[in-house]
Amino acid sequence: METNFFNRIQPGRTADKFSQKNKVTLVKGGRPFFATLHRLIEEARQSIYLQTYIFSADGTGTALAASLMDAARRGVSVYVM
């Protein structure tokens, strides 16, 4: 097993040079995930990059779109892919 993935993709760099002050939180299930997502969108101050393969015009999608539009109105750069 490879011990330094970052060195393979960009020789001479280590993980600490790629990422500082970031964290990962495992969120299981739909409701906790969307609650966390809405909270993070509300807390965003600079930019949001959202990658998703499903974005429907249902209640969940409409609420998410509203949160993203609110963020954009606050001056946050919002990108959805």
N, C-alpha and C. Protein backbone atom coordinates (compact mmCIF):
# COMPACT_ATOMS: atom_id res chain seq x y z
N MET A 1 0.84 -1.18 0.00
CA MET A 1 0.00 0.00 0.00
C MET A 1 0.88 1.24 0.00
N GLU A 2 0.49 2.19 -0.79
CA GLU A 2 1.25 3.42 -0.92
C GLU A 2 1.19 4.26 0.36
N THR A 3 2.32 4.75 0.80
CA THR A 3 2.34 5.51 2.04
C THR A 3 2.21 7.01 1.83
N ASN A 4 2.52 7.51 0.64
CA ASN A 4 2.41 8.94 0.40
C ASN A 4 1.78 9.20 -0.97
N PHE A 5 0.48 9.19 -1.02
CA PHE A 5 -0.26 9.43 -2.25
C PHE A 5 0.09 10.79 -2.84
N PHE A 6 0.22 11.81 -1.99
CA PHE A 6 0.49 13.15 -2.48
C PHE A 6 1.83 13.25 -3.19
N ASN A 7 2.82 12.51 -2.72
CA ASN A 7 4.12 12.54 -3.37
C ASN A 7 4.04 11.94 -4.77
N ARG A 8 3.16 10.97 -4.98
CA ARG A 8 3.01 10.37 -6.30
C ARG A 8 2.34 11.34 -7.27
N ILE A 9 1.33 12.07 -6.81
CA ILE A 9 0.62 12.96 -7.73
C ILE A 9 1.34 14.29 -7.94
N GLN A 10 2.15 14.70 -6.97
CA GLN A 10 2.94 15.91 -7.13
C GLN A 10 4.22 15.76 -6.31
N PRO A 11 5.27 15.23 -6.94
CA PRO A 11 6.52 14.95 -6.22
C PRO A 11 7.04 16.17 -5.45
N GLY A 12 7.52 15.90 -4.25
CA GLY A 12 8.10 16.95 -3.43
C GLY A 12 7.10 17.65 -2.52
N ARG A 13 5.82 17.41 -2.73
CA ARG A 13 4.80 18.03 -1.88
C ARG A 13 4.27 16.98 -0.91
N THR A 14 3.88 17.43 0.24
CA THR A 14 3.29 16.53 1.22
C THR A 14 1.87 16.98 1.52
N ALA A 15 1.14 16.13 2.18
CA ALA A 15 -0.27 16.42 2.48
C ALA A 15 -0.42 17.73 3.24
N ASP A 16 0.50 18.03 4.15
CA ASP A 16 0.37 19.26 4.93
C ASP A 16 0.49 20.51 4.08
N LYS A 17 1.13 20.41 2.92
CA LYS A 17 1.23 21.57 2.02
C LYS A 17 -0.04 21.73 1.19
N PHE A 18 -0.80 20.67 1.00
CA PHE A 18 -2.05 20.74 0.24
C PHE A 18 -3.18 21.28 1.08
N SER A 19 -3.21 20.93 2.34
CA SER A 19 -4.39 21.18 3.14
C SER A 19 -4.01 21.58 4.56
N GLN A 20 -4.52 22.71 4.99
CA GLN A 20 -4.30 23.14 6.36
C GLN A 20 -5.63 23.64 6.91
N LYS A 21 -5.88 23.33 8.14
CA LYS A 21 -7.09 23.76 8.85
C LYS A 21 -8.37 23.20 8.24
N ASN A 22 -8.29 22.11 7.50
CA ASN A 22 -9.46 21.45 6.96
C ASN A 22 -9.80 20.26 7.83
N LYS A 23 -11.05 19.81 7.74
CA LYS A 23 -11.44 18.62 8.49
C LYS A 23 -12.45 17.84 7.68
N VAL A 24 -12.60 16.59 8.02
CA VAL A 24 -13.55 15.70 7.36
C VAL A 24 -14.48 15.15 8.42
N THR A 25 -15.77 15.18 8.13
CA THR A 25 -16.77 14.62 9.04
C THR A 25 -17.64 13.66 8.25
N LEU A 26 -17.77 12.44 8.73
CA LEU A 26 -18.63 11.46 8.09
C LEU A 26 -20.07 11.70 8.52
N VAL A 27 -20.95 11.91 7.54
CA VAL A 27 -22.37 12.15 7.82
C VAL A 27 -23.15 11.02 7.16
N LYS A 28 -23.90 10.28 7.95
CA LYS A 28 -24.64 9.14 7.44
C LYS A 28 -26.13 9.45 7.38
N GLY A 29 -26.73 9.22 6.25
CA GLY A 29 -28.17 9.38 6.10
C GLY A 29 -28.56 10.73 5.52
N GLY A 30 -29.74 10.76 4.92
CA GLY A 30 -30.22 11.94 4.22
C GLY A 30 -30.45 13.15 5.10
N ARG A 31 -31.23 13.00 6.16
CA ARG A 31 -31.55 14.17 7.00
C ARG A 31 -30.32 14.78 7.64
N PRO A 32 -29.46 13.99 8.28
CA PRO A 32 -28.24 14.59 8.85
C PRO A 32 -27.36 15.23 7.78
N PHE A 33 -27.30 14.60 6.60
CA PHE A 33 -26.47 15.16 5.53
C PHE A 33 -26.98 16.53 5.11
N PHE A 34 -28.28 16.63 4.83
CA PHE A 34 -28.81 17.91 4.35
C PHE A 34 -28.81 18.97 5.44
N ALA A 35 -29.01 18.58 6.69
CA ALA A 35 -28.91 19.55 7.78
C ALA A 35 -27.49 20.12 7.86
N THR A 36 -26.49 19.24 7.73
CA THR A 36 -25.10 19.67 7.73
C THR A 36 -24.80 20.54 6.52
N LEU A 37 -25.30 20.14 5.36
CA LEU A 37 -25.06 20.90 4.13
C LEU A 37 -25.64 22.31 4.25
N HIS A 38 -26.87 22.43 4.73
CA HIS A 38 -27.48 23.76 4.90
C HIS A 38 -26.69 24.61 5.90
N ARG A 39 -26.24 24.00 6.98
CA ARG A 39 -25.45 24.74 7.97
C ARG A 39 -24.15 25.25 7.36
N LEU A 40 -23.47 24.39 6.60
CA LEU A 40 -22.21 24.79 5.97
C LEU A 40 -22.43 25.90 4.94
N ILE A 41 -23.53 25.82 4.20
CA ILE A 41 -23.85 26.87 3.22
C ILE A 41 -24.09 28.19 3.95
N GLU A 42 -24.82 28.14 5.06
CA GLU A 42 -25.09 29.36 5.83
C GLU A 42 -23.81 29.96 6.41
N GLU A 43 -22.85 29.11 6.76
CA GLU A 43 -21.60 29.58 7.36
C GLU A 43 -20.58 30.03 6.33
N ALA A 44 -20.78 29.71 5.05
CA ALA A 44 -19.81 30.05 4.02
C ALA A 44 -19.65 31.56 3.90
N ARG A 45 -18.42 32.01 3.77
CA ARG A 45 -18.14 33.44 3.65
C ARG A 45 -17.47 33.81 2.33
N GLN A 46 -16.85 32.85 1.67
CA GLN A 46 -16.08 33.17 0.48
C GLN A 46 -16.57 32.40 -0.75
N SER A 47 -16.63 31.08 -0.68
CA SER A 47 -17.02 30.30 -1.85
C SER A 47 -17.63 28.97 -1.44
N ILE A 48 -18.46 28.44 -2.35
CA ILE A 48 -19.08 27.12 -2.18
C ILE A 48 -18.89 26.38 -3.49
N TYR A 49 -18.37 25.18 -3.41
CA TYR A 49 -18.24 24.30 -4.56
C TYR A 49 -19.05 23.05 -4.25
N LEU A 50 -20.16 22.86 -4.93
CA LEU A 50 -21.04 21.72 -4.67
C LEU A 50 -21.05 20.82 -5.89
N GLN A 51 -20.65 19.58 -5.69
CA GLN A 51 -20.70 18.58 -6.75
C GLN A 51 -21.74 17.54 -6.36
N THR A 52 -22.72 17.34 -7.21
CA THR A 52 -23.77 16.37 -6.93
C THR A 52 -24.25 15.74 -8.22
N TYR A 53 -24.72 14.53 -8.16
CA TYR A 53 -25.22 13.88 -9.36
C TYR A 53 -26.74 13.89 -9.41
N ILE A 54 -27.39 14.29 -8.32
CA ILE A 54 -28.85 14.42 -8.31
C ILE A 54 -29.19 15.79 -7.75
N PHE A 55 -29.95 16.56 -8.51
CA PHE A 55 -30.43 17.84 -8.03
C PHE A 55 -31.82 17.99 -8.60
N SER A 56 -32.82 17.57 -7.86
CA SER A 56 -34.20 17.52 -8.35
C SER A 56 -34.99 18.74 -7.90
N ALA A 57 -36.09 18.98 -8.59
CA ALA A 57 -36.99 20.10 -8.26
C ALA A 57 -38.03 19.65 -7.23
N ASP A 58 -37.59 18.87 -6.25
CA ASP A 58 -38.49 18.44 -5.17
C ASP A 58 -38.25 19.34 -3.96
N GLY A 59 -38.82 19.00 -2.84
CA GLY A 59 -38.67 19.82 -1.64
C GLY A 59 -37.22 19.98 -1.21
N THR A 60 -36.47 18.89 -1.25
CA THR A 60 -35.07 18.93 -0.85
C THR A 60 -34.25 19.80 -1.80
N GLY A 61 -34.43 19.58 -3.10
CA GLY A 61 -33.68 20.36 -4.09
C GLY A 61 -34.04 21.83 -4.06
N THR A 62 -35.32 22.14 -3.87
CA THR A 62 -35.76 23.53 -3.81
C THR A 62 -35.18 24.23 -2.59
N ALA A 63 -35.17 23.55 -1.44
CA ALA A 63 -34.59 24.13 -0.22
C ALA A 63 -33.08 24.34 -0.39
N LEU A 64 -32.41 23.39 -1.02
CA LEU A 64 -30.97 23.53 -1.25
C LEU A 64 -30.70 24.70 -2.20
N ALA A 65 -31.48 24.80 -3.27
CA ALA A 65 -31.31 25.92 -4.21
C ALA A 65 -31.53 27.25 -3.50
N ALA A 66 -32.52 27.33 -2.62
CA ALA A 66 -32.78 28.57 -1.88
C ALA A 66 -31.59 28.93 -0.98
N SER A 67 -31.01 27.94 -0.32
CA SER A 67 -29.84 28.19 0.53
C SER A 67 -28.66 28.69 -0.30
N LEU A 68 -28.45 28.08 -1.46
CA LEU A 68 -27.36 28.50 -2.33
C LEU A 68 -27.59 29.92 -2.86
N MET A 69 -28.82 30.24 -3.23
CA MET A 69 -29.12 31.59 -3.71
C MET A 69 -28.95 32.62 -2.60
N ASP A 70 -29.35 32.28 -1.38
CA ASP A 70 -29.12 33.18 -0.24
C ASP A 70 -27.63 33.45 -0.05
N ALA A 71 -26.83 32.40 -0.17
CA ALA A 71 -25.38 32.57 -0.04
C ALA A 71 -24.85 33.50 -1.13
N ALA A 72 -25.32 33.31 -2.36
CA ALA A 72 -24.88 34.16 -3.47
C ALA A 72 -25.27 35.62 -3.21
N ARG A 73 -26.44 35.85 -2.66
CA ARG A 73 -26.88 37.21 -2.33
C ARG A 73 -26.00 37.84 -1.24
N ARG A 74 -25.42 37.02 -0.38
CA ARG A 74 -24.50 37.51 0.66
C ARG A 74 -23.13 37.81 0.08
N GLY A 75 -22.92 37.50 -1.19
CA GLY A 75 -21.62 37.75 -1.82
C GLY A 75 -20.72 36.54 -1.90
N VAL A 76 -21.24 35.37 -1.53
CA VAL A 76 -20.46 34.13 -1.61
C VAL A 76 -20.47 33.66 -3.06
N SER A 77 -19.33 33.28 -3.59
CA SER A 77 -19.26 32.69 -4.93
C SER A 77 -19.77 31.27 -4.84
N VAL A 78 -20.77 30.92 -5.66
CA VAL A 78 -21.40 29.59 -5.60
C VAL A 78 -21.21 28.89 -6.93
N TYR A 79 -20.69 27.66 -6.88
CA TYR A 79 -20.46 26.85 -8.07
C TYR A 79 -21.13 25.50 -7.85
N VAL A 80 -21.96 25.08 -8.80
CA VAL A 80 -22.63 23.78 -8.70
C VAL A 80 -22.29 22.98 -9.94
N MET A 81 -21.84 21.75 -9.74
CA MET A 81 -21.52 20.88 -10.87
C MET A 81 -22.32 19.60 -10.71
